[in-house]
N, C-alpha and C. Protein backbone atom coordinates (compact mmCIF):
# COMPACT_ATOMS: atom_id res chain seq x y z
N MET A 1 -14.99 -26.45 23.32
CA MET A 1 -13.84 -25.90 22.61
C MET A 1 -12.74 -26.96 22.58
N SER A 2 -12.05 -27.08 21.47
CA SER A 2 -11.03 -28.12 21.35
C SER A 2 -9.63 -27.55 21.51
N VAL A 3 -8.71 -28.44 21.85
CA VAL A 3 -7.31 -28.07 21.98
C VAL A 3 -6.77 -27.79 20.59
N GLU A 4 -6.11 -26.65 20.45
CA GLU A 4 -5.51 -26.24 19.17
C GLU A 4 -4.03 -25.96 19.36
N ARG A 5 -3.35 -25.97 18.25
CA ARG A 5 -1.95 -25.51 18.22
C ARG A 5 -1.90 -24.21 17.44
N THR A 6 -0.98 -23.35 17.86
CA THR A 6 -0.77 -22.11 17.14
C THR A 6 0.70 -21.77 17.16
N PHE A 7 1.05 -20.81 16.34
CA PHE A 7 2.43 -20.35 16.23
C PHE A 7 2.52 -18.93 16.74
N SER A 8 3.64 -18.61 17.39
CA SER A 8 3.91 -17.24 17.81
C SER A 8 5.40 -16.96 17.67
N MET A 9 5.71 -15.69 17.51
CA MET A 9 7.10 -15.27 17.41
C MET A 9 7.29 -13.97 18.18
N ILE A 10 8.26 -13.97 19.08
CA ILE A 10 8.65 -12.73 19.75
C ILE A 10 9.65 -12.07 18.80
N LYS A 11 9.32 -10.85 18.39
CA LYS A 11 10.06 -10.17 17.34
C LYS A 11 11.36 -9.53 17.85
N PRO A 12 12.23 -9.12 16.92
CA PRO A 12 13.55 -8.60 17.30
C PRO A 12 13.53 -7.43 18.28
N ASP A 13 12.52 -6.57 18.20
CA ASP A 13 12.48 -5.43 19.11
C ASP A 13 12.33 -5.87 20.56
N ALA A 14 11.46 -6.83 20.81
CA ALA A 14 11.23 -7.30 22.17
C ALA A 14 12.39 -8.14 22.68
N VAL A 15 13.01 -8.94 21.81
CA VAL A 15 14.17 -9.73 22.22
C VAL A 15 15.31 -8.78 22.60
N ALA A 16 15.57 -7.78 21.76
CA ALA A 16 16.66 -6.83 22.03
C ALA A 16 16.41 -6.03 23.30
N ALA A 17 15.16 -5.75 23.62
CA ALA A 17 14.82 -4.96 24.80
C ALA A 17 14.77 -5.80 26.08
N GLY A 18 15.03 -7.10 25.96
CA GLY A 18 15.02 -7.96 27.14
C GLY A 18 13.61 -8.23 27.67
N GLN A 19 12.62 -8.21 26.80
CA GLN A 19 11.23 -8.39 27.22
C GLN A 19 10.71 -9.81 26.98
N ALA A 20 11.53 -10.67 26.40
CA ALA A 20 11.07 -12.01 26.03
C ALA A 20 10.58 -12.81 27.23
N GLY A 21 11.28 -12.75 28.34
CA GLY A 21 10.88 -13.51 29.52
C GLY A 21 9.51 -13.10 30.03
N GLU A 22 9.25 -11.81 30.08
CA GLU A 22 7.94 -11.33 30.54
C GLU A 22 6.84 -11.72 29.56
N ILE A 23 7.14 -11.67 28.28
CA ILE A 23 6.14 -12.06 27.27
C ILE A 23 5.85 -13.55 27.38
N LEU A 24 6.90 -14.37 27.53
CA LEU A 24 6.69 -15.81 27.70
C LEU A 24 5.87 -16.09 28.96
N SER A 25 6.13 -15.36 30.01
CA SER A 25 5.37 -15.52 31.25
C SER A 25 3.89 -15.20 31.03
N MET A 26 3.61 -14.14 30.31
CA MET A 26 2.21 -13.78 30.01
C MET A 26 1.53 -14.89 29.22
N ILE A 27 2.25 -15.48 28.28
CA ILE A 27 1.70 -16.56 27.47
C ILE A 27 1.41 -17.78 28.34
N GLU A 28 2.35 -18.14 29.18
CA GLU A 28 2.14 -19.29 30.06
C GLU A 28 1.02 -19.04 31.07
N GLN A 29 0.95 -17.83 31.61
CA GLN A 29 -0.10 -17.50 32.57
C GLN A 29 -1.48 -17.54 31.91
N ALA A 30 -1.53 -17.40 30.60
CA ALA A 30 -2.80 -17.48 29.88
C ALA A 30 -3.18 -18.93 29.57
N GLY A 31 -2.41 -19.88 30.10
CA GLY A 31 -2.78 -21.28 29.97
C GLY A 31 -2.19 -22.02 28.79
N PHE A 32 -1.21 -21.43 28.13
CA PHE A 32 -0.60 -22.09 26.99
C PHE A 32 0.46 -23.09 27.44
N ARG A 33 0.52 -24.19 26.73
CA ARG A 33 1.59 -25.17 26.89
C ARG A 33 2.58 -24.91 25.75
N ILE A 34 3.85 -24.76 26.08
CA ILE A 34 4.87 -24.53 25.06
C ILE A 34 5.35 -25.88 24.56
N LEU A 35 5.08 -26.15 23.28
CA LEU A 35 5.47 -27.42 22.67
C LEU A 35 6.85 -27.35 22.03
N GLY A 36 7.23 -26.18 21.59
CA GLY A 36 8.53 -25.96 20.95
C GLY A 36 8.90 -24.51 21.09
N LEU A 37 10.19 -24.25 21.28
CA LEU A 37 10.66 -22.89 21.46
C LEU A 37 12.11 -22.83 21.00
N ARG A 38 12.44 -21.79 20.23
CA ARG A 38 13.82 -21.68 19.72
C ARG A 38 14.16 -20.22 19.47
N LEU A 39 15.36 -19.86 19.87
CA LEU A 39 15.93 -18.56 19.52
C LEU A 39 16.62 -18.74 18.18
N THR A 40 16.30 -17.88 17.22
CA THR A 40 16.90 -17.99 15.90
C THR A 40 17.00 -16.60 15.29
N ARG A 41 17.71 -16.50 14.21
CA ARG A 41 17.79 -15.24 13.48
C ARG A 41 17.35 -15.51 12.05
N LEU A 42 16.33 -14.80 11.60
CA LEU A 42 15.81 -15.01 10.26
C LEU A 42 16.78 -14.46 9.21
N THR A 43 16.97 -15.23 8.17
CA THR A 43 17.71 -14.74 7.02
C THR A 43 16.76 -13.87 6.20
N ASP A 44 17.30 -13.13 5.28
CA ASP A 44 16.46 -12.32 4.39
C ASP A 44 15.48 -13.22 3.64
N ALA A 45 15.97 -14.34 3.14
CA ALA A 45 15.11 -15.26 2.38
C ALA A 45 14.00 -15.84 3.27
N GLN A 46 14.31 -16.19 4.50
CA GLN A 46 13.29 -16.72 5.41
C GLN A 46 12.22 -15.66 5.71
N ALA A 47 12.65 -14.45 6.00
CA ALA A 47 11.70 -13.38 6.31
C ALA A 47 10.81 -13.09 5.11
N ARG A 48 11.40 -13.06 3.92
CA ARG A 48 10.61 -12.83 2.70
C ARG A 48 9.59 -13.94 2.49
N ALA A 49 10.00 -15.17 2.71
CA ALA A 49 9.10 -16.31 2.52
C ALA A 49 8.00 -16.31 3.59
N PHE A 50 8.36 -16.06 4.83
CA PHE A 50 7.39 -16.10 5.91
C PHE A 50 6.31 -15.03 5.74
N TYR A 51 6.72 -13.84 5.32
CA TYR A 51 5.78 -12.73 5.16
C TYR A 51 5.36 -12.52 3.70
N GLU A 52 5.48 -13.55 2.87
CA GLU A 52 5.15 -13.45 1.45
C GLU A 52 3.72 -12.97 1.21
N VAL A 53 2.82 -13.29 2.11
CA VAL A 53 1.43 -12.86 1.98
C VAL A 53 1.32 -11.33 1.90
N HIS A 54 2.32 -10.62 2.43
CA HIS A 54 2.32 -9.15 2.42
C HIS A 54 3.17 -8.56 1.30
N LYS A 55 3.65 -9.40 0.39
CA LYS A 55 4.61 -8.99 -0.64
C LYS A 55 4.20 -7.76 -1.43
N GLU A 56 2.93 -7.60 -1.71
CA GLU A 56 2.46 -6.46 -2.51
C GLU A 56 2.18 -5.21 -1.69
N ARG A 57 2.26 -5.33 -0.40
CA ARG A 57 1.95 -4.18 0.46
C ARG A 57 3.15 -3.25 0.59
N PRO A 58 2.91 -1.96 0.79
CA PRO A 58 4.02 -1.00 0.85
C PRO A 58 4.97 -1.20 2.02
N PHE A 59 4.53 -1.85 3.08
CA PHE A 59 5.38 -2.03 4.26
C PHE A 59 6.25 -3.29 4.20
N TYR A 60 6.11 -4.10 3.14
CA TYR A 60 6.80 -5.39 3.06
C TYR A 60 8.32 -5.27 3.21
N GLY A 61 8.95 -4.39 2.48
CA GLY A 61 10.41 -4.23 2.56
C GLY A 61 10.87 -3.84 3.96
N GLY A 62 10.17 -2.92 4.58
CA GLY A 62 10.51 -2.51 5.94
C GLY A 62 10.30 -3.64 6.94
N LEU A 63 9.25 -4.43 6.73
CA LEU A 63 8.98 -5.57 7.61
C LEU A 63 10.09 -6.60 7.52
N VAL A 64 10.52 -6.91 6.31
CA VAL A 64 11.62 -7.87 6.13
C VAL A 64 12.89 -7.35 6.79
N LYS A 65 13.20 -6.08 6.60
CA LYS A 65 14.39 -5.48 7.22
C LYS A 65 14.31 -5.57 8.74
N PHE A 66 13.17 -5.21 9.30
CA PHE A 66 12.96 -5.27 10.75
C PHE A 66 13.12 -6.69 11.27
N MET A 67 12.51 -7.65 10.61
CA MET A 67 12.51 -9.03 11.11
C MET A 67 13.87 -9.71 11.00
N THR A 68 14.79 -9.12 10.25
CA THR A 68 16.14 -9.69 10.12
C THR A 68 17.18 -8.91 10.91
N GLU A 69 16.76 -7.91 11.67
CA GLU A 69 17.74 -7.06 12.36
C GLU A 69 18.29 -7.68 13.64
N GLY A 70 17.70 -8.74 14.11
CA GLY A 70 18.18 -9.39 15.34
C GLY A 70 17.45 -10.69 15.56
N PRO A 71 17.81 -11.39 16.63
CA PRO A 71 17.18 -12.68 16.90
C PRO A 71 15.69 -12.56 17.22
N VAL A 72 14.98 -13.65 16.96
CA VAL A 72 13.57 -13.79 17.30
C VAL A 72 13.43 -15.09 18.09
N ILE A 73 12.31 -15.22 18.78
CA ILE A 73 11.99 -16.47 19.47
C ILE A 73 10.73 -17.02 18.82
N VAL A 74 10.86 -18.22 18.24
CA VAL A 74 9.72 -18.87 17.60
C VAL A 74 9.14 -19.91 18.56
N MET A 75 7.80 -20.01 18.58
CA MET A 75 7.14 -20.88 19.55
C MET A 75 5.99 -21.65 18.92
N ALA A 76 5.87 -22.89 19.31
CA ALA A 76 4.69 -23.70 19.03
C ALA A 76 3.93 -23.79 20.35
N LEU A 77 2.67 -23.39 20.32
CA LEU A 77 1.87 -23.31 21.54
C LEU A 77 0.60 -24.14 21.41
N GLU A 78 0.07 -24.56 22.55
CA GLU A 78 -1.14 -25.38 22.55
C GLU A 78 -2.02 -25.03 23.75
N ARG A 79 -3.32 -25.02 23.52
CA ARG A 79 -4.34 -24.89 24.57
C ARG A 79 -5.70 -24.92 23.89
N GLU A 80 -6.75 -24.96 24.66
CA GLU A 80 -8.09 -24.85 24.09
C GLU A 80 -8.24 -23.46 23.47
N GLY A 81 -8.77 -23.42 22.27
CA GLY A 81 -8.99 -22.14 21.60
C GLY A 81 -7.73 -21.31 21.47
N ALA A 82 -6.62 -21.95 21.16
CA ALA A 82 -5.30 -21.31 21.18
C ALA A 82 -5.20 -20.07 20.28
N ILE A 83 -5.73 -20.14 19.09
CA ILE A 83 -5.57 -19.04 18.14
C ILE A 83 -6.28 -17.79 18.64
N THR A 84 -7.52 -17.94 19.03
CA THR A 84 -8.28 -16.79 19.54
C THR A 84 -7.67 -16.26 20.83
N LYS A 85 -7.30 -17.16 21.74
CA LYS A 85 -6.76 -16.72 23.03
C LYS A 85 -5.42 -16.00 22.85
N LEU A 86 -4.55 -16.51 21.99
CA LEU A 86 -3.27 -15.83 21.78
C LEU A 86 -3.48 -14.43 21.23
N ARG A 87 -4.42 -14.28 20.33
CA ARG A 87 -4.68 -12.96 19.76
C ARG A 87 -5.20 -12.01 20.84
N GLU A 88 -5.96 -12.53 21.80
CA GLU A 88 -6.39 -11.71 22.93
C GLU A 88 -5.21 -11.29 23.79
N VAL A 89 -4.33 -12.23 24.08
CA VAL A 89 -3.15 -11.97 24.91
C VAL A 89 -2.23 -10.96 24.23
N MET A 90 -2.08 -11.08 22.91
CA MET A 90 -1.21 -10.17 22.16
C MET A 90 -1.76 -8.76 22.14
N GLY A 91 -3.05 -8.61 21.89
CA GLY A 91 -3.66 -7.30 21.74
C GLY A 91 -3.65 -6.86 20.28
N ALA A 92 -4.30 -5.75 20.02
CA ALA A 92 -4.41 -5.23 18.65
C ALA A 92 -3.03 -4.98 18.05
N THR A 93 -2.95 -5.13 16.72
CA THR A 93 -1.68 -4.92 16.00
C THR A 93 -1.10 -3.55 16.30
N ASN A 94 -1.94 -2.54 16.33
CA ASN A 94 -1.51 -1.20 16.69
C ASN A 94 -1.61 -1.08 18.21
N PRO A 95 -0.48 -0.95 18.91
CA PRO A 95 -0.53 -0.90 20.38
C PRO A 95 -1.37 0.25 20.92
N ALA A 96 -1.56 1.29 20.15
CA ALA A 96 -2.42 2.40 20.59
C ALA A 96 -3.86 1.94 20.76
N ASN A 97 -4.24 0.88 20.03
CA ASN A 97 -5.60 0.35 20.10
C ASN A 97 -5.70 -0.92 20.95
N ALA A 98 -4.58 -1.37 21.50
CA ALA A 98 -4.55 -2.61 22.27
C ALA A 98 -5.13 -2.40 23.66
N ALA A 99 -5.79 -3.44 24.16
CA ALA A 99 -6.37 -3.39 25.50
C ALA A 99 -5.28 -3.37 26.56
N GLU A 100 -5.59 -2.75 27.68
CA GLU A 100 -4.66 -2.73 28.81
C GLU A 100 -4.31 -4.16 29.21
N GLY A 101 -3.06 -4.37 29.58
CA GLY A 101 -2.61 -5.66 30.05
C GLY A 101 -2.20 -6.63 28.96
N THR A 102 -2.38 -6.25 27.69
CA THR A 102 -1.96 -7.14 26.60
C THR A 102 -0.46 -6.95 26.33
N VAL A 103 0.11 -7.90 25.63
CA VAL A 103 1.54 -7.85 25.30
C VAL A 103 1.86 -6.57 24.54
N ARG A 104 1.10 -6.27 23.52
CA ARG A 104 1.41 -5.10 22.69
C ARG A 104 1.20 -3.79 23.44
N LYS A 105 0.20 -3.72 24.31
CA LYS A 105 -0.01 -2.49 25.07
C LYS A 105 1.18 -2.25 26.00
N ARG A 106 1.70 -3.34 26.59
CA ARG A 106 2.81 -3.22 27.53
C ARG A 106 4.16 -2.99 26.85
N PHE A 107 4.40 -3.64 25.70
CA PHE A 107 5.77 -3.67 25.18
C PHE A 107 5.97 -3.10 23.78
N ALA A 108 4.94 -2.98 22.98
CA ALA A 108 5.13 -2.56 21.59
C ALA A 108 5.35 -1.06 21.48
N ALA A 109 6.25 -0.67 20.58
CA ALA A 109 6.56 0.74 20.35
C ALA A 109 5.53 1.39 19.42
N ASN A 110 5.14 0.68 18.37
CA ASN A 110 4.19 1.22 17.39
C ASN A 110 3.67 0.08 16.52
N ILE A 111 2.89 0.41 15.53
CA ILE A 111 2.27 -0.62 14.69
C ILE A 111 3.30 -1.44 13.91
N GLU A 112 4.43 -0.84 13.55
CA GLU A 112 5.47 -1.57 12.81
C GLU A 112 6.35 -2.40 13.74
N ARG A 113 6.66 -1.89 14.91
CA ARG A 113 7.52 -2.58 15.87
C ARG A 113 6.64 -3.04 17.03
N ASN A 114 5.87 -4.09 16.74
CA ASN A 114 4.82 -4.48 17.68
C ASN A 114 5.10 -5.74 18.47
N CYS A 115 6.33 -6.13 18.57
CA CYS A 115 6.93 -7.10 19.49
C CYS A 115 6.51 -8.56 19.40
N ILE A 116 5.38 -8.89 18.79
CA ILE A 116 4.94 -10.29 18.77
C ILE A 116 4.09 -10.57 17.53
N HIS A 117 4.22 -11.79 17.05
CA HIS A 117 3.40 -12.27 15.94
C HIS A 117 2.62 -13.49 16.44
N GLY A 118 1.40 -13.65 15.96
CA GLY A 118 0.63 -14.84 16.26
C GLY A 118 -0.23 -15.20 15.06
N SER A 119 -0.41 -16.48 14.83
CA SER A 119 -1.23 -16.95 13.72
C SER A 119 -2.66 -16.44 13.86
N ASP A 120 -3.30 -16.20 12.71
CA ASP A 120 -4.64 -15.63 12.73
C ASP A 120 -5.75 -16.61 12.37
N ALA A 121 -5.39 -17.84 12.00
CA ALA A 121 -6.39 -18.84 11.62
C ALA A 121 -5.76 -20.23 11.69
N PRO A 122 -6.55 -21.28 11.78
CA PRO A 122 -6.00 -22.63 11.85
C PRO A 122 -5.08 -22.98 10.67
N GLU A 123 -5.47 -22.57 9.46
CA GLU A 123 -4.64 -22.87 8.29
C GLU A 123 -3.30 -22.13 8.37
N THR A 124 -3.34 -20.89 8.78
CA THR A 124 -2.11 -20.10 8.94
C THR A 124 -1.23 -20.73 10.00
N ALA A 125 -1.83 -21.12 11.12
CA ALA A 125 -1.06 -21.73 12.21
C ALA A 125 -0.34 -22.98 11.71
N ALA A 126 -1.03 -23.83 10.98
CA ALA A 126 -0.42 -25.06 10.48
C ALA A 126 0.76 -24.75 9.56
N THR A 127 0.58 -23.78 8.68
CA THR A 127 1.65 -23.40 7.75
C THR A 127 2.83 -22.80 8.51
N GLU A 128 2.56 -21.90 9.43
CA GLU A 128 3.64 -21.23 10.17
C GLU A 128 4.37 -22.19 11.10
N LEU A 129 3.66 -23.12 11.71
CA LEU A 129 4.33 -24.13 12.54
C LEU A 129 5.28 -24.98 11.71
N ARG A 130 4.82 -25.41 10.52
CA ARG A 130 5.67 -26.22 9.64
C ARG A 130 6.88 -25.43 9.14
N PHE A 131 6.74 -24.11 9.03
CA PHE A 131 7.84 -23.27 8.55
C PHE A 131 9.04 -23.35 9.51
N PHE A 132 8.77 -23.45 10.80
CA PHE A 132 9.84 -23.41 11.80
C PHE A 132 10.08 -24.72 12.55
N PHE A 133 9.11 -25.63 12.58
CA PHE A 133 9.24 -26.85 13.39
C PHE A 133 8.87 -28.09 12.59
N SER A 134 9.65 -29.16 12.80
CA SER A 134 9.26 -30.45 12.25
C SER A 134 8.28 -31.09 13.24
N THR A 135 7.51 -32.04 12.77
CA THR A 135 6.56 -32.73 13.64
C THR A 135 7.28 -33.37 14.81
N ALA A 136 8.46 -33.93 14.58
CA ALA A 136 9.22 -34.60 15.63
C ALA A 136 9.68 -33.65 16.73
N GLU A 137 9.83 -32.36 16.40
CA GLU A 137 10.29 -31.39 17.39
C GLU A 137 9.21 -30.98 18.38
N LEU A 138 7.96 -31.15 18.01
CA LEU A 138 6.87 -30.69 18.86
C LEU A 138 6.51 -31.76 19.88
N VAL A 139 6.76 -31.46 21.13
CA VAL A 139 6.58 -32.41 22.22
C VAL A 139 5.12 -32.69 22.47
């Protein structure tokens, strides 16, 4: 298995609830190296662009509203098999279906307010990393 980079974002619900530190700890305990990390607040335009893939879906407007309601923490992460491992650590999108001990099982309120985002494929990871980080920023 090769070392990969992936993107993750702690969403506004988890940041507002003071859960970011525990989530970061879970990520680090899973063997991830944090290459870049920043607290930021998405503008409406940024949220629309980032989630453009969902533009035609009925939840798009609510997702954009949710993602702009408060600060988020964006992260560039690295480890062997990073994309698959992060998705395991996060748990299923719907926390009701997430495995015990995953981020979403512990912290997510529901499928819409699910506390964390992670890239789902190498191409997505590359695009999402470039959206928030320049190459020079990644240590």
